[in-house]
Amino acid sequence: MKDGTVEIAKEDEKEIEIVLHGEDHTLANLIVGLAKKEKGVVIAVYDIEHPLKGVPIVRVRTDGNVKPREVLINVLKRAKEMNNKFSELLKQEMTEKGEAGS
């Protein structure tokens, strides 16, 4: 698979496994960390099978009351919101520091 792509390797009613081609621990850790906070999530883990190939495989399993695909969609929405909030706070801080430094 091409770098920057996501592959759904496995999916059923309670579990989804995605492969993050071209990514590393950073994105996988974010997804797993946020997934663990979602209701109905029983397991959220990732593994990089070979250190030289570095392809993270993220696995999310639920109790069946929520679909794992829904968990991932919620996780991505939350990650986007976090990114936007951080970006705004950083812009504000840079503006304030820029004005103070003038």
C-alpha atoms as a PDB file:
ATOM      1  CA  MET A   1       0.000   0.000   0.000  1.00  0.00           C
ATOM      2  CA  LYS A   2       0.993   3.581  -0.611  1.00  0.00           C
ATOM      3  CA  ASP A   3       2.204   5.791   2.269  1.00  0.00           C
ATOM      4  CA  GLY A   4      -0.481   8.006   3.759  1.00  0.00           C
ATOM      5  CA  THR A   5      -3.239   5.479   3.184  1.00  0.00           C
ATOM      6  CA  VAL A   6      -5.416   3.621   5.656  1.00  0.00           C
ATOM      7  CA  GLU A   7      -6.421   0.027   5.121  1.00  0.00           C
ATOM      8  CA  ILE A   8      -9.222  -1.706   6.974  1.00  0.00           C
ATOM      9  CA  ALA A   9      -7.614  -5.091   7.532  1.00  0.00           C
ATOM     10  CA  LYS A  10     -10.446  -6.600   9.567  1.00  0.00           C
ATOM     11  CA  GLU A  11     -13.910  -5.533  10.616  1.00  0.00           C
ATOM     12  CA  ASP A  12     -16.871  -7.165  12.297  1.00  0.00           C
ATOM     13  CA  GLU A  13     -19.627  -6.080  14.690  1.00  0.00           C
ATOM     14  CA  LYS A  14     -17.275  -5.719  17.672  1.00  0.00           C
ATOM     15  CA  GLU A  15     -13.818  -5.142  16.260  1.00  0.00           C
ATOM     16  CA  ILE A  16     -11.962  -3.167  13.635  1.00  0.00           C
ATOM     17  CA  GLU A  17      -8.311  -3.353  12.679  1.00  0.00           C
ATOM     18  CA  ILE A  18      -6.755  -0.629  10.556  1.00  0.00           C
ATOM     19  CA  VAL A  19      -3.297  -0.367   9.035  1.00  0.00           C
ATOM     20  CA  LEU A  20      -1.749   3.121   8.906  1.00  0.00           C
ATOM     21  CA  HIS A  21       0.651   3.000   5.969  1.00  0.00           C
ATOM     22  CA  GLY A  22       3.440   5.558   6.155  1.00  0.00           C
ATOM     23  CA  GLU A  23       2.636   6.531   9.748  1.00  0.00           C
ATOM     24  CA  ASP A  24       4.393   5.876  13.037  1.00  0.00           C
ATOM     25  CA  HIS A  25       3.697   5.757  16.761  1.00  0.00           C
ATOM     26  CA  THR A  26       2.439   9.357  16.815  1.00  0.00           C
ATOM     27  CA  LEU A  27      -0.852   8.895  14.984  1.00  0.00           C
ATOM     28  CA  ALA A  28      -1.437   5.364  16.268  1.00  0.00           C
ATOM     29  CA  ASN A  29      -0.933   6.479  19.879  1.00  0.00           C
ATOM     30  CA  LEU A  30      -3.353   9.393  19.427  1.00  0.00           C
ATOM     31  CA  ILE A  31      -6.056   7.152  17.964  1.00  0.00           C
ATOM     32  CA  VAL A  32      -5.660   4.510  20.678  1.00  0.00           C
ATOM     33  CA  GLY A  33      -5.554   7.073  23.486  1.00  0.00           C
ATOM     34  CA  LEU A  34      -8.761   8.738  22.360  1.00  0.00           C
ATOM     35  CA  ALA A  35     -10.493   5.425  21.606  1.00  0.00           C
ATOM     36  CA  LYS A  36      -9.870   4.230  25.171  1.00  0.00           C
ATOM     37  CA  LYS A  37     -12.004   7.148  26.390  1.00  0.00           C
ATOM     38  CA  GLU A  38     -14.992   6.203  24.227  1.00  0.00           C
ATOM     39  CA  LYS A  39     -17.990   4.446  25.777  1.00  0.00           C
ATOM     40  CA  GLY A  40     -18.242   0.780  24.945  1.00  0.00           C
ATOM     41  CA  VAL A  41     -14.569   0.305  24.077  1.00  0.00           C
ATOM     42  CA  VAL A  42     -13.159  -2.846  25.628  1.00  0.00           C
ATOM     43  CA  ILE A  43      -9.720  -2.813  23.995  1.00  0.00           C
ATOM     44  CA  ALA A  44      -7.828  -0.187  22.017  1.00  0.00           C
ATOM     45  CA  VAL A  45      -4.243  -1.053  21.126  1.00  0.00           C
ATOM     46  CA  TYR A  46      -1.712  -0.719  18.367  1.00  0.00           C
ATOM     47  CA  ASP A  47       1.309  -2.685  17.335  1.00  0.00           C
ATOM     48  CA  ILE A  48       4.200  -2.167  14.977  1.00  0.00           C
ATOM     49  CA  GLU A  49       5.253  -5.696  14.096  1.00  0.00           C
ATOM     50  CA  HIS A  50       8.651  -4.887  12.643  1.00  0.00           C
ATOM     51  CA  PRO A  51      10.712  -1.848  13.711  1.00  0.00           C
ATOM     52  CA  LEU A  52      12.259  -1.379  10.253  1.00  0.00           C
ATOM     53  CA  LYS A  53       8.966  -1.584   8.346  1.00  0.00           C
ATOM     54  CA  GLY A  54       7.150   0.628  10.857  1.00  0.00           C
ATOM     55  CA  VAL A  55       3.534   0.062   9.840  1.00  0.00           C
ATOM     56  CA  PRO A  56       1.187   0.597  12.798  1.00  0.00           C
ATOM     57  CA  ILE A  57      -1.825  -1.674  13.109  1.00  0.00           C
ATOM     58  CA  VAL A  58      -4.577  -0.230  15.319  1.00  0.00           C
ATOM     59  CA  ARG A  59      -7.201  -2.527  16.816  1.00  0.00           C
ATOM     60  CA  VAL A  60     -10.377  -1.355  18.553  1.00  0.00           C
ATOM     61  CA  ARG A  61     -12.815  -3.807  20.130  1.00  0.00           C
ATOM     62  CA  THR A  62     -16.148  -2.804  21.648  1.00  0.00           C
ATOM     63  CA  ASP A  63     -18.685  -4.483  23.910  1.00  0.00           C
ATOM     64  CA  GLY A  64     -21.119  -4.656  20.982  1.00  0.00           C
ATOM     65  CA  ASN A  65     -23.276  -1.734  22.101  1.00  0.00           C
ATOM     66  CA  VAL A  66     -21.376   0.571  19.769  1.00  0.00           C
ATOM     67  CA  LYS A  67     -19.861  -0.252  16.397  1.00  0.00           C
ATOM     68  CA  PRO A  68     -16.078   0.030  16.205  1.00  0.00           C
ATOM     69  CA  ARG A  69     -16.363   2.107  13.031  1.00  0.00           C
ATOM     70  CA  GLU A  70     -18.439   4.667  14.979  1.00  0.00           C
ATOM     71  CA  VAL A  71     -15.734   4.767  17.641  1.00  0.00           C
ATOM     72  CA  LEU A  72     -13.100   5.596  15.010  1.00  0.00           C
ATOM     73  CA  ILE A  73     -15.293   8.302  13.490  1.00  0.00           C
ATOM     74  CA  ASN A  74     -15.769   9.874  16.941  1.00  0.00           C
ATOM     75  CA  VAL A  75     -12.047   9.616  17.638  1.00  0.00           C
ATOM     76  CA  LEU A  76     -11.184  11.392  14.395  1.00  0.00           C
ATOM     77  CA  LYS A  77     -13.714  14.145  15.117  1.00  0.00           C
ATOM     78  CA  ARG A  78     -12.231  14.654  18.594  1.00  0.00           C
ATOM     79  CA  ALA A  79      -8.678  14.683  17.221  1.00  0.00           C
ATOM     80  CA  LYS A  80      -9.693  17.316  14.670  1.00  0.00           C
ATOM     81  CA  GLU A  81     -11.344  19.432  17.383  1.00  0.00           C
ATOM     82  CA  MET A  82      -8.227  19.141  19.565  1.00  0.00           C
ATOM     83  CA  ASN A  83      -6.029  20.166  16.644  1.00  0.00           C
ATOM     84  CA  ASN A  84      -8.215  23.176  15.820  1.00  0.00           C
ATOM     85  CA  LYS A  85      -8.288  24.301  19.452  1.00  0.00           C
ATOM     86  CA  PHE A  86      -4.535  23.955  19.799  1.00  0.00           C
ATOM     87  CA  SER A  87      -3.989  25.833  16.547  1.00  0.00           C
ATOM     88  CA  GLU A  88      -6.172  28.724  17.729  1.00  0.00           C
ATOM     89  CA  LEU A  89      -4.450  28.873  21.129  1.00  0.00           C
ATOM     90  CA  LEU A  90      -1.027  28.849  19.476  1.00  0.00           C
ATOM     91  CA  LYS A  91      -2.015  31.612  17.029  1.00  0.00           C
ATOM     92  CA  GLN A  92      -3.344  33.675  19.929  1.00  0.00           C
ATOM     93  CA  GLU A  93      -0.155  33.175  21.932  1.00  0.00           C
ATOM     94  CA  MET A  94       2.032  34.037  18.933  1.00  0.00           C
ATOM     95  CA  THR A  95      -0.025  37.189  18.285  1.00  0.00           C
ATOM     96  CA  GLU A  96       0.230  38.281  21.923  1.00  0.00           C
ATOM     97  CA  LYS A  97       3.975  37.577  22.047  1.00  0.00           C
ATOM     98  CA  GLY A  98       4.494  39.292  18.712  1.00  0.00           C
ATOM     99  CA  GLU A  99       2.733  42.450  19.913  1.00  0.00           C
ATOM    100  CA  ALA A 100       4.572  42.382  23.248  1.00  0.00           C
ATOM    101  CA  GLY A 101       7.898  41.920  21.503  1.00  0.00           C
ATOM    102  CA  SER A 102       7.444  44.938  19.216  1.00  0.00           C
END
